[in-house]
Amino acid sequence: MLLQEKETGNLLEIMDVKLLIDPNEEAVPARDQAGQEEQDPEKYTKTALVFPSGESLPRCWIDANYRNN
């Protein structure tokens, strides 16, 4: 799955979608798609990520207590 980093606009390949949708995880491993060589995975905080369309991630992926608010 590809997401975009808000600050740089770079596309990131998410390495583990299960971690992405788990609201108890604050960061996910991803590979930056900039450049021609495959980059090593790095951890990115979910709040720094958006869909390539610019849409934010669903709140239920970020906030474990989303139902209580």
N, C-alpha and C. Protein backbone atom coordinates (compact mmCIF):
# COMPACT_ATOMS: atom_id res chain seq x y z
N MET A 1 0.85 -1.17 0.00
CA MET A 1 0.00 0.00 0.00
C MET A 1 0.90 1.23 0.00
N LEU A 2 0.54 2.23 -0.78
CA LEU A 2 1.30 3.47 -0.84
C LEU A 2 0.56 4.58 -0.12
N LEU A 3 1.29 5.31 0.72
CA LEU A 3 0.78 6.50 1.36
C LEU A 3 1.76 7.63 1.08
N GLN A 4 1.38 8.83 1.46
CA GLN A 4 2.22 9.99 1.20
C GLN A 4 2.61 10.64 2.52
N GLU A 5 3.87 11.06 2.62
CA GLU A 5 4.32 11.80 3.79
C GLU A 5 3.88 13.25 3.64
N LYS A 6 3.19 13.79 4.65
CA LYS A 6 2.65 15.15 4.57
C LYS A 6 3.73 16.19 4.28
N GLU A 7 4.81 16.13 5.03
CA GLU A 7 5.84 17.17 4.98
C GLU A 7 6.57 17.23 3.64
N THR A 8 6.96 16.07 3.11
CA THR A 8 7.77 16.05 1.89
C THR A 8 6.97 15.79 0.63
N GLY A 9 5.81 15.15 0.78
CA GLY A 9 5.03 14.76 -0.39
C GLY A 9 5.52 13.48 -1.02
N ASN A 10 6.55 12.85 -0.43
CA ASN A 10 7.09 11.60 -0.98
C ASN A 10 6.12 10.45 -0.75
N LEU A 11 6.07 9.54 -1.73
CA LEU A 11 5.28 8.32 -1.57
C LEU A 11 6.06 7.32 -0.73
N LEU A 12 5.34 6.61 0.12
CA LEU A 12 5.93 5.61 1.00
C LEU A 12 5.22 4.28 0.80
N GLU A 13 5.99 3.21 0.67
CA GLU A 13 5.41 1.87 0.60
C GLU A 13 5.29 1.34 2.02
N ILE A 14 4.06 1.12 2.47
CA ILE A 14 3.82 0.62 3.82
C ILE A 14 4.18 -0.87 3.84
N MET A 15 5.03 -1.26 4.78
CA MET A 15 5.53 -2.62 4.84
C MET A 15 4.57 -3.58 5.54
N ASP A 16 3.77 -3.08 6.49
CA ASP A 16 2.87 -3.94 7.25
C ASP A 16 1.52 -3.23 7.43
N VAL A 17 0.56 -3.59 6.62
CA VAL A 17 -0.75 -2.95 6.66
C VAL A 17 -1.46 -3.24 7.98
N LYS A 18 -1.21 -4.39 8.59
CA LYS A 18 -1.84 -4.70 9.88
C LYS A 18 -1.43 -3.69 10.94
N LEU A 19 -0.17 -3.28 10.94
CA LEU A 19 0.28 -2.25 11.88
C LEU A 19 -0.36 -0.90 11.56
N LEU A 20 -0.56 -0.64 10.29
CA LEU A 20 -1.17 0.62 9.86
C LEU A 20 -2.59 0.77 10.40
N ILE A 21 -3.37 -0.29 10.33
CA ILE A 21 -4.77 -0.19 10.77
C ILE A 21 -4.95 -0.43 12.26
N ASP A 22 -3.89 -0.81 12.96
CA ASP A 22 -3.95 -1.03 14.41
C ASP A 22 -3.86 0.32 15.12
N PRO A 23 -4.93 0.77 15.79
CA PRO A 23 -4.92 2.09 16.41
C PRO A 23 -3.97 2.18 17.62
N ASN A 24 -3.48 1.06 18.11
CA ASN A 24 -2.55 1.07 19.23
C ASN A 24 -1.10 1.30 18.81
N GLU A 25 -0.83 1.25 17.53
CA GLU A 25 0.51 1.49 16.99
C GLU A 25 0.62 2.95 16.56
N GLU A 26 1.66 3.63 17.00
CA GLU A 26 1.84 5.04 16.64
C GLU A 26 2.63 5.23 15.36
N ALA A 27 3.46 4.24 15.00
CA ALA A 27 4.32 4.36 13.83
C ALA A 27 4.28 3.07 13.03
N VAL A 28 4.59 3.19 11.75
CA VAL A 28 4.61 2.02 10.87
C VAL A 28 5.90 2.02 10.04
N PRO A 29 6.41 0.82 9.73
CA PRO A 29 7.59 0.76 8.87
C PRO A 29 7.19 0.98 7.41
N ALA A 30 7.99 1.77 6.72
CA ALA A 30 7.70 2.08 5.32
C ALA A 30 8.98 2.38 4.58
N ARG A 31 8.93 2.21 3.26
CA ARG A 31 10.07 2.53 2.40
C ARG A 31 9.74 3.76 1.57
N ASP A 32 10.64 4.73 1.60
CA ASP A 32 10.49 5.93 0.78
C ASP A 32 10.70 5.53 -0.68
N GLN A 33 9.82 5.97 -1.55
CA GLN A 33 9.88 5.61 -2.96
C GLN A 33 10.64 6.62 -3.81
N ALA A 34 11.27 7.61 -3.18
CA ALA A 34 12.06 8.59 -3.92
C ALA A 34 13.38 7.95 -4.34
N GLY A 35 13.85 8.25 -5.52
CA GLY A 35 15.10 7.69 -6.02
C GLY A 35 14.87 6.41 -6.80
N GLN A 36 15.94 5.91 -7.38
CA GLN A 36 15.82 4.73 -8.22
C GLN A 36 16.12 3.44 -7.47
N GLU A 37 16.90 3.52 -6.39
CA GLU A 37 17.22 2.32 -5.61
C GLU A 37 16.22 2.18 -4.46
N GLU A 38 15.93 0.92 -4.12
CA GLU A 38 15.01 0.67 -3.02
C GLU A 38 15.66 1.10 -1.70
N GLN A 39 14.93 1.89 -0.93
CA GLN A 39 15.42 2.41 0.34
C GLN A 39 15.17 1.42 1.46
N ASP A 40 15.97 1.54 2.52
CA ASP A 40 15.75 0.72 3.72
C ASP A 40 14.49 1.21 4.43
N PRO A 41 13.74 0.30 5.06
CA PRO A 41 12.54 0.72 5.78
C PRO A 41 12.89 1.62 6.97
N GLU A 42 12.02 2.58 7.21
CA GLU A 42 12.12 3.47 8.37
C GLU A 42 10.75 3.54 9.02
N LYS A 43 10.71 3.94 10.29
CA LYS A 43 9.44 4.11 10.98
C LYS A 43 8.91 5.52 10.73
N TYR A 44 7.63 5.61 10.41
CA TYR A 44 6.95 6.89 10.20
C TYR A 44 5.74 6.94 11.12
N THR A 45 5.54 8.07 11.77
CA THR A 45 4.35 8.20 12.61
C THR A 45 3.12 8.32 11.72
N LYS A 46 2.05 7.72 12.16
CA LYS A 46 0.82 7.72 11.36
C LYS A 46 0.27 9.12 11.15
N THR A 47 0.48 10.01 12.12
CA THR A 47 -0.05 11.37 11.98
C THR A 47 0.67 12.15 10.88
N ALA A 48 1.83 11.66 10.44
CA ALA A 48 2.59 12.32 9.37
C ALA A 48 2.23 11.77 7.99
N LEU A 49 1.25 10.87 7.93
CA LEU A 49 0.90 10.21 6.67
C LEU A 49 -0.51 10.59 6.21
N VAL A 50 -0.68 10.63 4.90
CA VAL A 50 -1.99 10.82 4.27
C VAL A 50 -2.07 9.90 3.06
N PHE A 51 -3.28 9.74 2.54
CA PHE A 51 -3.43 9.01 1.28
C PHE A 51 -2.87 9.87 0.15
N PRO A 52 -2.44 9.27 -0.97
CA PRO A 52 -1.91 10.06 -2.08
C PRO A 52 -2.87 11.16 -2.58
N SER A 53 -4.15 10.99 -2.34
CA SER A 53 -5.14 12.00 -2.73
C SER A 53 -5.13 13.22 -1.80
N GLY A 54 -4.40 13.11 -0.67
CA GLY A 54 -4.36 14.18 0.32
C GLY A 54 -5.31 13.96 1.48
N GLU A 55 -6.14 12.92 1.38
CA GLU A 55 -7.11 12.62 2.43
C GLU A 55 -6.39 12.04 3.65
N SER A 56 -6.82 12.44 4.84
CA SER A 56 -6.24 11.94 6.08
C SER A 56 -6.58 10.47 6.29
N LEU A 57 -5.77 9.81 7.11
CA LEU A 57 -6.06 8.43 7.47
C LEU A 57 -7.31 8.39 8.35
N PRO A 58 -8.07 7.30 8.30
CA PRO A 58 -9.26 7.19 9.15
C PRO A 58 -8.88 7.30 10.62
N ARG A 59 -9.70 7.98 11.38
CA ARG A 59 -9.44 8.17 12.81
C ARG A 59 -9.32 6.84 13.55
N CYS A 60 -10.06 5.82 13.12
CA CYS A 60 -10.03 4.52 13.79
C CYS A 60 -8.68 3.81 13.58
N TRP A 61 -7.85 4.27 12.67
CA TRP A 61 -6.51 3.71 12.47
C TRP A 61 -5.49 4.40 13.38
N ILE A 62 -5.84 5.58 13.89
CA ILE A 62 -4.89 6.40 14.65
C ILE A 62 -5.22 6.44 16.14
N ASP A 63 -6.50 6.53 16.48
CA ASP A 63 -6.95 6.75 17.85
C ASP A 63 -7.69 5.52 18.37
N ALA A 64 -7.08 4.84 19.35
CA ALA A 64 -7.69 3.63 19.90
C ALA A 64 -8.99 3.94 20.65
N ASN A 65 -9.16 5.17 21.09
CA ASN A 65 -10.38 5.57 21.82
C ASN A 65 -11.32 6.40 20.96
N TYR A 66 -11.30 6.18 19.66
CA TYR A 66 -12.11 7.00 18.76
C TYR A 66 -13.60 6.91 19.04
N ARG A 67 -14.05 5.83 19.60
CA ARG A 67 -15.50 5.68 19.88
C ARG A 67 -15.93 6.47 21.11
N ASN A 68 -15.00 6.82 21.98
CA ASN A 68 -15.34 7.50 23.23
C ASN A 68 -15.45 9.02 23.08
N ASN A 69 -15.09 9.55 21.94
CA ASN A 69 -15.12 11.02 21.77
C ASN A 69 -16.32 11.46 20.99
